[in-house]
Protein backbone atom coordinates (compact mmCIF):
# COMPACT_ATOMS: atom_id res chain seq x y z
CA MET A 1 0.00 0.00 0.00
CA ALA A 2 1.38 3.41 -0.98
CA LEU A 3 2.08 5.88 1.81
CA GLU A 4 0.08 9.08 1.92
CA VAL A 5 1.96 12.03 0.44
CA PHE A 6 1.46 15.52 1.84
CA HIS A 7 2.07 18.94 0.34
CA LYS A 8 5.31 20.46 1.66
CA ASP A 9 3.45 22.99 3.83
CA GLU A 10 1.34 20.22 5.37
CA THR A 11 4.42 18.13 6.10
CA LEU A 12 6.11 21.09 7.76
CA GLN A 13 3.02 21.87 9.82
CA MET A 14 2.74 18.25 11.00
CA ARG A 15 6.43 18.11 11.80
CA ARG A 16 6.19 21.23 13.95
CA LYS A 17 3.28 19.65 15.80
CA LEU A 18 4.65 16.12 16.23
CA ILE A 19 8.44 16.29 16.25
CA GLY A 20 10.52 17.85 19.04
CA GLN A 21 11.57 21.40 18.13
CA SER A 22 15.16 20.69 19.16
CA CYS A 23 15.32 18.32 16.15
CA ARG A 24 16.21 20.99 13.63
CA LEU A 25 16.04 20.85 9.86
CA PHE A 26 18.59 22.00 7.34
CA PHE A 27 17.55 25.42 6.00
CA SER A 28 14.95 25.79 8.75
CA ARG A 29 13.55 29.05 7.35
CA ASP A 30 12.67 27.36 4.08
CA PRO A 31 13.35 23.60 4.30
CA VAL A 32 13.86 21.42 1.25
CA LYS A 33 11.45 18.49 1.13
CA ILE A 34 13.42 15.58 -0.31
CA VAL A 35 11.39 12.65 -1.65
CA ARG A 36 14.03 10.58 -3.48
CA ALA A 37 17.76 10.44 -4.12
CA ARG A 38 20.35 8.70 -6.26
CA GLY A 39 24.13 8.93 -6.09
CA GLN A 40 25.11 12.47 -5.09
CA TYR A 41 21.76 13.97 -6.10
CA LEU A 42 18.62 14.73 -4.11
CA TYR A 43 15.17 15.42 -5.59
CA ASP A 44 12.41 17.49 -4.04
CA GLU A 45 8.64 16.98 -4.32
CA ASN A 46 8.62 18.90 -7.62
CA GLY A 47 11.38 16.78 -9.16
CA MET A 48 14.00 19.52 -8.74
CA GLN A 49 17.53 18.13 -8.47
CA TYR A 50 19.97 19.25 -5.75
CA LEU A 51 23.68 18.46 -5.57
CA ASP A 52 24.42 16.97 -2.14
CA CYS A 53 27.63 18.20 -0.49
CA ILE A 54 26.43 17.31 3.03
CA SER A 55 25.65 13.59 3.20
CA ASN A 56 28.83 11.81 4.24
CA VAL A 57 26.56 9.20 5.85
CA GLN A 58 25.45 8.05 2.38
CA HIS A 59 29.06 7.12 1.84
CA VAL A 60 28.92 5.41 -1.56
CA GLY A 61 25.94 7.43 -2.78
CA HIS A 62 22.21 7.53 -2.13
CA CYS A 63 20.18 4.40 -2.89
CA HIS A 64 23.05 2.49 -4.48
CA PRO A 65 21.47 -0.46 -6.32
CA SER A 66 24.04 -2.97 -5.03
CA LEU A 67 23.14 -2.05 -1.46
CA THR A 68 19.39 -2.10 -1.93
CA GLN A 69 19.68 -5.51 -3.61
CA ALA A 70 21.85 -6.89 -0.81
CA ALA A 71 19.48 -5.52 1.85
CA ALA A 72 16.34 -6.85 0.16
CA ALA A 73 17.83 -10.30 -0.47
CA GLN A 74 18.96 -10.74 3.13
CA MET A 75 15.75 -9.23 4.54
CA ASP A 76 13.77 -11.75 2.50
CA LEU A 77 15.84 -14.59 3.96
CA LEU A 78 16.54 -13.71 7.62
CA ASN A 79 17.02 -10.83 10.02
CA SER A 80 17.42 -12.00 13.57
CA ASN A 81 18.81 -11.35 17.04
CA THR A 82 22.60 -11.27 16.87
CA ARG A 83 22.90 -13.92 19.57
CA PHE A 84 22.03 -16.56 16.97
CA LEU A 85 25.05 -17.88 15.06
CA HIS A 86 25.28 -16.47 11.53
CA ASP A 87 27.95 -16.12 8.82
CA ASN A 88 27.46 -12.46 7.91
CA ILE A 89 28.84 -10.95 11.11
CA VAL A 90 32.10 -12.94 10.97
CA LEU A 91 32.50 -12.40 7.23
CA TYR A 92 32.08 -8.67 7.75
CA ALA A 93 34.46 -8.55 10.73
CA ASP A 94 37.07 -10.42 8.67
CA ARG A 95 36.75 -7.91 5.81
CA LEU A 96 37.11 -4.99 8.23
CA ALA A 97 40.15 -6.59 9.87
CA ALA A 98 41.90 -6.66 6.49
CA THR A 99 41.73 -2.84 6.34
CA LEU A 100 43.18 -2.25 9.83
CA PRO A 101 46.53 -2.80 11.57
CA LYS A 102 46.86 -6.41 12.73
CA LYS A 103 46.53 -5.64 16.42
CA LEU A 104 43.02 -4.20 15.90
CA CYS A 105 41.43 -7.61 15.51
CA VAL A 106 38.40 -7.74 17.84
CA PHE A 107 35.08 -6.19 16.80
CA TYR A 108 31.89 -5.13 18.54
CA PHE A 109 28.93 -4.20 16.33
CA VAL A 110 26.37 -1.62 17.41
CA ASN A 111 23.73 0.55 15.74
CA SER A 112 25.14 4.10 15.72
CA GLY A 113 28.27 6.15 16.13
CA SER A 114 27.06 7.32 19.54
CA GLU A 115 26.73 3.70 20.68
CA ALA A 116 30.21 2.98 19.32
CA ASN A 117 31.82 5.88 21.17
CA ASP A 118 29.97 5.04 24.38
CA LEU A 119 31.27 1.47 24.19
CA ALA A 120 34.80 2.74 23.48
CA LEU A 121 34.60 4.78 26.68
CA ARG A 122 33.54 1.68 28.63
CA LEU A 123 36.30 -0.45 27.10
CA ALA A 124 38.96 2.13 27.90
CA ARG A 125 37.90 2.57 31.51
CA GLN A 126 37.67 -1.15 32.13
CA TYR A 127 41.14 -1.70 30.66
CA THR A 128 42.97 1.24 32.26
CA ARG A 129 41.02 1.39 35.54
CA HIS A 130 41.15 5.17 35.18
CA GLN A 131 38.27 7.57 34.65
CA ASP A 132 39.81 10.80 33.30
CA VAL A 133 39.38 11.60 29.63
CA ILE A 134 41.22 14.02 27.33
CA VAL A 135 39.32 15.46 24.37
CA LEU A 136 39.93 18.22 21.88
CA ASP A 137 38.22 21.56 22.22
CA HIS A 138 35.01 21.91 20.17
CA ALA A 139 34.79 18.12 19.75
CA TYR A 140 31.51 16.27 19.37
CA HIS A 141 31.39 12.51 20.01
CA GLY A 142 27.66 11.77 20.21
CA HIS A 143 24.33 12.52 21.85
CA LEU A 144 24.30 10.01 24.74
CA THR A 145 24.75 11.50 28.21
CA SER A 146 28.15 9.82 28.54
CA LEU A 147 29.28 11.46 25.29
CA ILE A 148 27.81 14.90 25.90
CA ASP A 149 30.00 14.86 29.03
CA ILE A 150 33.10 14.53 26.82
CA SER A 151 31.94 16.79 23.96
CA PRO A 152 32.88 20.46 24.54
CA TYR A 153 30.68 21.37 21.57
CA LYS A 154 27.70 20.24 23.69
CA PHE A 155 28.56 20.46 27.39
CA ARG A 156 29.53 24.13 27.23
CA LYS A 157 25.89 24.86 26.35
CA LEU A 158 24.54 22.58 29.05
CA GLY A 159 25.76 21.53 32.49
CA GLY A 160 29.41 22.47 32.08
CA GLN A 161 32.62 20.50 32.23
CA LYS A 162 33.01 17.50 34.51
CA GLU A 163 36.11 17.43 36.73
CA TRP A 164 37.35 14.24 35.05
CA VAL A 165 37.22 15.76 31.55
CA HIS A 166 40.32 17.59 30.33
CA VAL A 167 40.07 19.71 27.18
CA ALA A 168 43.12 20.08 24.97
CA PRO A 169 43.31 22.97 22.49
CA LEU A 170 42.46 22.02 18.93
CA PRO A 171 45.76 21.79 17.03
CA ASP A 172 44.66 24.46 14.62
CA THR A 173 47.49 26.37 12.97
CA TYR A 174 45.05 28.92 11.52
CA HIS A 175 43.08 30.06 14.59
CA GLY A 176 44.84 28.19 17.37
CA ILE A 177 47.23 29.27 20.09
CA TYR A 178 50.16 27.96 18.01
CA ARG A 179 49.97 28.99 14.38
CA GLU A 180 51.86 28.42 11.16
CA ASP A 181 54.58 30.90 12.17
CA HIS A 182 55.50 28.79 15.23
CA PRO A 183 58.75 26.82 14.74
CA ASP A 184 57.17 23.51 15.84
CA PRO A 185 53.41 23.80 16.40
CA GLY A 186 52.94 20.03 16.57
CA GLN A 187 55.28 19.68 19.54
CA ALA A 188 53.83 22.78 21.18
CA TYR A 189 50.33 21.31 21.05
CA ALA A 190 51.70 17.98 22.31
CA ASP A 191 53.24 19.79 25.28
CA THR A 192 49.82 21.18 26.21
CA MET A 193 48.62 17.58 26.24
CA LYS A 194 51.41 16.62 28.62
CA SER A 195 50.39 19.44 30.95
CA LEU A 196 46.81 18.15 31.01
CA ILE A 197 48.05 14.65 31.81
CA ASP A 198 50.12 16.02 34.69
CA GLU A 199 47.05 17.84 36.00
CA ALA A 200 45.18 14.51 35.97
CA HIS A 201 48.02 13.01 38.09
CA LYS A 202 48.80 10.68 35.19
CA LYS A 203 45.59 8.69 35.66
CA VAL A 204 44.20 9.14 32.18
CA SER A 205 41.79 6.59 30.78
CA LEU A 206 41.87 7.67 27.17
CA LEU A 207 42.50 10.35 24.58
CA PHE A 208 39.48 10.70 22.29
CA ILE A 209 40.35 12.20 18.90
CA GLN A 210 38.10 12.96 15.95
CA GLU A 211 40.45 12.37 13.06
CA LEU A 212 40.61 15.47 10.85
CA SER A 213 38.48 17.30 13.41
CA ASP A 214 36.60 20.10 11.64
CA THR A 215 38.77 19.34 8.62
CA GLN A 216 41.89 20.08 10.62
CA HIS A 217 44.49 17.31 10.78
CA CYS A 218 45.28 16.51 14.42
CA ILE A 219 48.79 15.37 15.31
CA PHE A 220 49.56 14.24 18.85
CA PRO A 221 52.37 11.94 19.99
CA LEU A 222 50.88 8.93 21.75
CA ARG A 223 53.82 8.60 24.13
CA TYR A 224 52.46 11.00 26.75
CA VAL A 225 49.07 9.33 26.88
CA ARG A 226 50.42 5.80 27.05
CA GLU A 227 53.01 6.70 29.65
CA ALA A 228 50.10 7.86 31.80
CA GLY A 229 48.41 4.48 31.37
CA GLY A 230 45.86 5.77 28.89
CA ILE A 231 44.85 4.59 25.45
CA TYR A 232 44.11 6.32 22.15
CA VAL A 233 40.64 6.20 20.59
CA ALA A 234 40.37 7.26 16.96
CA ASP A 235 36.85 8.46 16.13
CA GLU A 236 36.65 7.65 12.40
CA ILE A 237 32.90 8.07 12.11
CA GLN A 238 33.15 10.86 9.54
CA THR A 239 36.58 10.22 8.05
CA GLY A 240 37.00 6.44 7.72
CA PHE A 241 36.33 4.07 4.84
CA GLY A 242 38.53 5.84 2.32
CA ARG A 243 37.16 9.37 2.58
CA VAL A 244 40.71 10.77 2.78
CA GLY A 245 41.53 8.92 -0.43
CA SER A 246 45.18 8.02 0.01
CA HIS A 247 44.36 5.76 2.97
CA PHE A 248 41.41 3.74 4.16
CA TRP A 249 41.52 5.38 7.61
CA ALA A 250 42.38 8.98 8.47
CA PHE A 251 44.62 7.88 11.36
CA GLN A 252 46.90 6.26 8.77
CA LEU A 253 47.88 9.76 7.64
CA GLN A 254 49.97 9.87 10.83
CA GLY A 255 52.37 7.27 9.42
CA GLU A 256 52.66 3.54 8.75
CA ASP A 257 53.60 2.69 12.33
CA PHE A 258 50.81 4.71 13.92
CA CYS A 259 48.06 2.58 15.46
CA PRO A 260 45.25 3.58 17.82
CA ASP A 261 44.08 1.25 20.56
CA ILE A 262 40.43 1.60 19.56
CA VAL A 263 38.77 2.74 16.32
CA THR A 264 35.10 3.72 16.22
CA MET A 265 32.93 3.74 13.10
CA GLY A 266 29.42 5.03 12.46
CA LYS A 267 26.54 4.77 10.00
CA PRO A 268 28.62 5.63 6.87
CA ILE A 269 29.88 2.02 7.03
CA GLY A 270 26.30 0.98 6.21
CA ASN A 271 25.63 3.90 3.85
CA GLY A 272 23.14 5.26 6.36
CA HIS A 273 21.74 1.93 7.50
CA PRO A 274 21.96 1.70 11.33
CA ILE A 275 25.20 -0.18 11.80
CA ALA A 276 28.36 0.96 13.56
CA CYS A 277 31.42 -0.71 15.00
CA VAL A 278 34.21 -0.64 17.56
CA ALA A 279 37.54 -2.27 16.67
CA THR A 280 40.09 -2.91 19.39
CA THR A 281 42.91 -5.15 20.58
CA GLU A 282 42.74 -8.58 22.17
CA GLU A 283 44.14 -7.16 25.42
CA ILE A 284 41.45 -4.52 25.76
CA ALA A 285 38.69 -6.95 24.76
CA THR A 286 39.94 -9.52 27.28
CA ALA A 287 39.88 -6.94 30.07
CA PHE A 288 36.32 -6.04 29.13
CA THR A 289 35.24 -9.69 29.21
CA ALA A 290 36.92 -10.14 32.60
CA ASN A 291 34.46 -7.82 34.31
CA GLY A 292 32.02 -10.73 34.36
CA VAL A 293 29.16 -8.78 32.79
CA GLU A 294 27.92 -10.09 29.45
CA TYR A 295 27.81 -7.54 26.63
CA PHE A 296 25.25 -8.02 23.92
CA ASN A 297 23.60 -5.79 21.38
CA THR A 298 20.33 -7.23 20.11
CA PHE A 299 20.57 -5.90 16.57
CA GLY A 300 24.09 -4.51 16.31
CA GLY A 301 25.61 -6.53 13.47
CA ASN A 302 22.40 -8.31 12.45
CA PRO A 303 22.41 -10.28 9.16
CA VAL A 304 20.84 -7.48 7.11
CA SER A 305 23.17 -4.81 8.49
CA CYS A 306 26.24 -6.93 7.80
CA ALA A 307 25.03 -7.78 4.29
CA ILE A 308 24.80 -4.05 3.60
CA GLY A 309 28.21 -3.46 5.23
CA LEU A 310 29.79 -6.08 2.98
CA ALA A 311 28.14 -4.50 -0.07
CA VAL A 312 29.54 -1.08 0.91
CA LEU A 313 33.07 -2.52 1.00
CA ASP A 314 32.50 -4.14 -2.40
CA VAL A 315 31.33 -0.84 -3.94
CA ILE A 316 34.31 1.08 -2.52
CA GLU A 317 36.63 -1.41 -4.22
CA LYS A 318 34.77 -1.97 -7.50
CA GLU A 319 34.12 1.73 -8.13
CA ASP A 320 37.56 2.86 -6.91
CA LEU A 321 35.99 5.39 -4.56
CA ARG A 322 39.27 5.96 -2.73
CA GLY A 323 40.86 6.87 -6.03
CA ASN A 324 37.89 9.11 -6.76
CA ALA A 325 38.40 10.87 -3.42
CA VAL A 326 42.03 11.54 -4.37
CA ARG A 327 41.20 12.81 -7.86
CA VAL A 328 38.02 14.76 -7.17
CA GLY A 329 39.06 15.93 -3.71
CA GLY A 330 42.40 17.13 -5.02
CA HIS A 331 40.73 18.98 -7.90
CA LEU A 332 38.15 20.53 -5.58
CA LYS A 333 40.83 21.73 -3.18
CA GLN A 334 42.84 23.28 -6.00
CA LEU A 335 39.75 25.08 -7.30
CA LEU A 336 39.05 26.43 -3.81
CA LEU A 337 42.66 27.58 -3.45
CA GLN A 338 42.32 29.42 -6.77
CA LEU A 339 39.18 31.10 -5.45
CA GLN A 340 41.12 32.09 -2.33
CA THR A 341 43.45 34.18 -4.49
CA LYS A 342 40.43 36.08 -5.87
CA HIS A 343 38.25 36.49 -2.78
CA PRO A 344 39.62 37.98 0.48
CA LEU A 345 36.68 36.41 2.35
CA ILE A 346 38.32 33.00 1.93
CA GLY A 347 40.87 32.88 4.70
CA ASP A 348 41.90 29.24 4.62
CA VAL A 349 41.35 26.04 2.65
CA ARG A 350 42.27 22.77 4.34
CA GLY A 351 41.51 19.08 4.38
CA VAL A 352 42.22 16.01 2.32
CA GLY A 353 40.28 13.76 -0.05
CA LEU A 354 36.56 14.44 0.11
CA PHE A 355 36.70 16.03 3.56
CA ILE A 356 37.54 19.68 2.96
CA GLY A 357 36.91 22.93 4.78
CA MET A 358 36.89 26.47 3.38
CA GLU A 359 37.00 29.08 6.14
CA LEU A 360 35.54 32.55 5.63
CA VAL A 361 36.98 35.52 7.52
CA LYS A 362 36.12 39.22 7.82
CA ASP A 363 39.72 40.06 7.01
CA ARG A 364 42.83 37.97 6.69
CA ALA A 365 44.90 40.00 9.14
CA SER A 366 42.66 39.52 12.17
CA ARG A 367 41.18 36.22 10.91
CA LYS A 368 37.87 37.23 12.46
CA PRO A 369 35.34 34.55 11.49
CA ALA A 370 32.81 35.59 8.86
CA THR A 371 29.85 33.71 10.32
CA GLU A 372 27.11 35.76 8.66
CA GLU A 373 28.81 35.60 5.26
CA ALA A 374 29.17 31.81 5.56
CA ALA A 375 25.47 31.48 6.35
CA HIS A 376 24.64 33.71 3.38
CA LEU A 377 26.81 31.60 1.07
CA VAL A 378 25.04 28.41 2.18
CA ARG A 379 21.62 30.00 1.63
CA ARG A 380 22.57 31.23 -1.84
CA LEU A 381 24.04 27.86 -2.79
CA LYS A 382 20.71 26.29 -1.88
CA GLU A 383 19.05 28.68 -4.32
CA GLU A 384 21.45 27.30 -6.93
CA ARG A 385 20.28 23.81 -5.90
CA ILE A 386 23.47 22.88 -4.06
CA VAL A 387 23.12 21.83 -0.42
CA MET A 388 26.05 22.67 1.85
CA SER A 389 26.56 23.21 5.57
CA THR A 390 28.77 25.23 7.91
CA ASP A 391 30.90 23.92 10.76
CA GLY A 392 33.61 24.98 13.18
CA PRO A 393 33.47 26.89 16.48
CA TRP A 394 31.98 29.96 14.77
CA ASP A 395 30.09 28.24 11.93
CA SER A 396 32.44 29.99 9.54
CA VAL A 397 33.79 26.88 7.80
CA ILE A 398 32.05 25.69 4.64
CA LYS A 399 32.35 21.94 4.97
CA PHE A 400 32.54 19.59 1.98
CA LYS A 401 31.71 15.96 2.87
CA PRO A 402 29.67 14.68 -0.07
CA PRO A 403 28.94 11.08 -1.04
CA MET A 404 32.13 9.48 -2.37
CA CYS A 405 30.76 9.31 -5.92
CA PHE A 406 31.07 13.12 -6.19
CA SER A 407 32.51 13.96 -9.62
CA ILE A 408 34.94 16.41 -11.20
CA GLU A 409 31.96 18.11 -12.87
CA ASP A 410 30.23 18.43 -9.48
CA ALA A 411 33.33 20.06 -7.98
CA GLU A 412 33.56 22.54 -10.85
CA ARG A 413 29.86 23.37 -10.60
CA VAL A 414 30.13 24.09 -6.87
CA CYS A 415 33.19 26.29 -7.25
CA THR A 416 31.68 28.22 -10.17
CA CYS A 417 28.65 29.00 -7.98
CA ILE A 418 30.81 29.97 -5.00
CA ASP A 419 32.82 32.31 -7.22
CA GLN A 420 29.62 33.94 -8.53
CA ILE A 421 28.10 34.35 -5.05
CA LEU A 422 31.28 35.80 -3.51
CA ARG A 423 31.45 38.29 -6.40
CA GLU A 424 27.93 39.39 -5.45
CA VAL A 425 28.97 39.71 -1.81
CA LYS A 426 31.99 41.81 -2.77
CA LYS A 427 29.75 44.29 -4.59
CA THR A 428 27.63 44.83 -1.47
CA ILE A 429 30.56 45.49 0.86
């Protein structure tokens, strides 16, 4: 039976009545009602096409036929509680293991990135027997209470910082306390980490890092954390699965010998289907088992979810989406850098692969964030049927995280529109 279809105004009215107002829409003043999608394109109720530069969750593209076929076939056969023995979960874990360093060989499947990060927190505390956590300023790790407590992006607007949470400055050489003119900004930021560890009396449970946080590559020596008995958690929810192009995982940009103790993954691994994962070492998993409390997740890693996960890995390989991220991401970044030479509003362009940020500033000398101009650019891009979002502490970073099938032509279209809109802005100043 076909579902009832409402006019956009009716849908919006019903949403305002039935859905919590804290659940905000993109373009809340004039939302886009999306009724179907394919690849990197969205279509509204009138059939109008929009280029999607937002949906990193739809990692290999919206409604990929290989994924819908895999989901339907497995759904028609079986979808059951994960405490029944089934092939899909072990086949999927084995495929994931092949992409990671050898020591990350134990997997826990859950339903969302928030669940994954919450479990990572539990694993770390059980293993280290410490409670204190170090996170980066402005970080966001999920919406569970345990994760709001370690997400400065959230807790600064709510109940404040817990005494066991230690916030390290974001290693940002554009706005940060140590900038590009510092002789060794990486070591300087690492020294601030050491100071935080000393303040915690060297009883740190873990360092939680969003790889390429806000499209800024984070570099921290692990030595200080591990000397304090802590472990390193790499939050790869937005950046994993080849988004950086040159590597499958963003943490691999740190070097061949670099290996976190835990890696967390979110819904992009299922192209938006509710599956997520925690990968860790045998030692940490053994310590977690030793607490005597069984861990189970009723539907985390169910047969349908794992069938979709396997199909996502197949598509990444068959369609060379990592290579596409290198080619298209590199071209997009170069186009943005060219625009930077023409438009003083563009203060910085950074990122890698198909995870790129373009920061707007009032003037390049003071680097004052151009929040209003960034919002205007996003609104105007929507009028050109390109959906984009802002990010960063001041919402002044235009963030590119499109589906991985994004093309050279898409990149050129976006940059042509940005150029045109910034020319308009220049005339009004």
